[in-house]
């Protein structure tokens, strides 16, 4: 269960990072030249969403195990 949850959380983090960076790149034109801030904002949002989706997946796996 731990390995499956780790793989899921890593996938969720990577997908959320890419989506956040794309959204910030399109939505905030002033960040197009400041890639460090763009990456920081992308990682910050990705961590938040990955934590939420990992918690949801953990509850689902816990219910299946019972």
Protein backbone atom coordinates (compact mmCIF):
# COMPACT_ATOMS: atom_id res chain seq x y z
CA UNK A 1 0.00 0.00 0.00
CA UNK A 2 2.83 2.42 0.83
CA UNK A 3 4.56 1.88 -2.50
CA UNK A 4 1.31 2.35 -4.41
CA UNK A 5 0.53 5.52 -2.45
CA UNK A 6 4.05 6.91 -3.03
CA UNK A 7 3.81 6.34 -6.79
CA UNK A 8 0.39 7.97 -6.88
CA UNK A 9 1.57 11.00 -4.89
CA UNK A 10 4.60 11.42 -7.16
CA UNK A 11 2.39 11.30 -10.25
CA UNK A 12 -0.03 13.79 -8.73
CA UNK A 13 2.82 16.14 -7.83
CA UNK A 14 4.34 16.03 -11.31
CA UNK A 15 1.02 16.56 -13.08
CA UNK A 16 0.06 19.39 -10.74
CA UNK A 17 3.48 21.03 -11.23
CA UNK A 18 3.16 21.02 -15.00
CA UNK A 19 -0.43 22.26 -14.89
CA UNK A 20 0.41 25.03 -12.42
CA UNK A 21 3.38 26.25 -14.43
CA UNK A 22 1.32 26.33 -17.62
CA UNK A 23 -1.52 28.19 -15.92
CA UNK A 24 0.81 30.76 -14.37
CA UNK A 25 2.73 31.17 -17.64
CA UNK A 26 -0.47 31.93 -19.54
CA UNK A 27 -2.29 33.82 -16.81
CA UNK A 28 0.51 36.08 -15.57
CA UNK A 29 2.48 37.57 -18.47
CA UNK A 30 4.90 39.32 -16.08
CA UNK A 31 6.18 35.90 -14.97
CA UNK A 32 7.24 34.87 -18.48
CA UNK A 33 10.64 36.49 -17.97
CA UNK A 34 11.04 35.51 -14.30
CA UNK A 35 11.37 31.74 -14.52
CA UNK A 36 12.51 31.33 -10.92
CA UNK A 37 9.28 32.84 -9.58
CA UNK A 38 7.26 30.84 -12.09
CA UNK A 39 8.87 27.61 -10.93
CA UNK A 40 8.45 28.53 -7.26
CA UNK A 41 4.74 29.29 -7.68
CA UNK A 42 4.26 26.10 -9.68
CA UNK A 43 5.91 23.95 -6.98
CA UNK A 44 4.00 25.69 -4.20
CA UNK A 45 0.62 25.01 -5.81
CA UNK A 46 1.61 21.50 -6.88
CA UNK A 47 2.54 20.55 -3.34
CA UNK A 48 -0.84 21.72 -2.06
CA UNK A 49 -2.84 19.80 -4.69
CA UNK A 50 -0.65 16.69 -4.43
CA UNK A 51 -1.19 16.61 -0.67
CA UNK A 52 -4.96 16.81 -1.09
CA UNK A 53 -5.12 14.14 -3.81
CA UNK A 54 -2.74 11.85 -1.89
CA UNK A 55 -4.93 12.11 1.20
CA UNK A 56 -8.00 11.23 -0.86
CA UNK A 57 -6.20 8.24 -2.42
CA UNK A 58 -4.96 7.11 1.01
CA UNK A 59 -8.54 7.08 2.35
CA UNK A 60 -9.66 5.11 -0.71
CA UNK A 61 -6.91 2.53 -0.28
CA UNK A 62 -7.62 2.31 3.45
CA UNK A 63 -11.29 1.55 2.78
CA UNK A 64 -10.36 -1.14 0.24
CA UNK A 65 -8.02 -2.76 2.75
CA UNK A 66 -10.73 -3.16 5.38
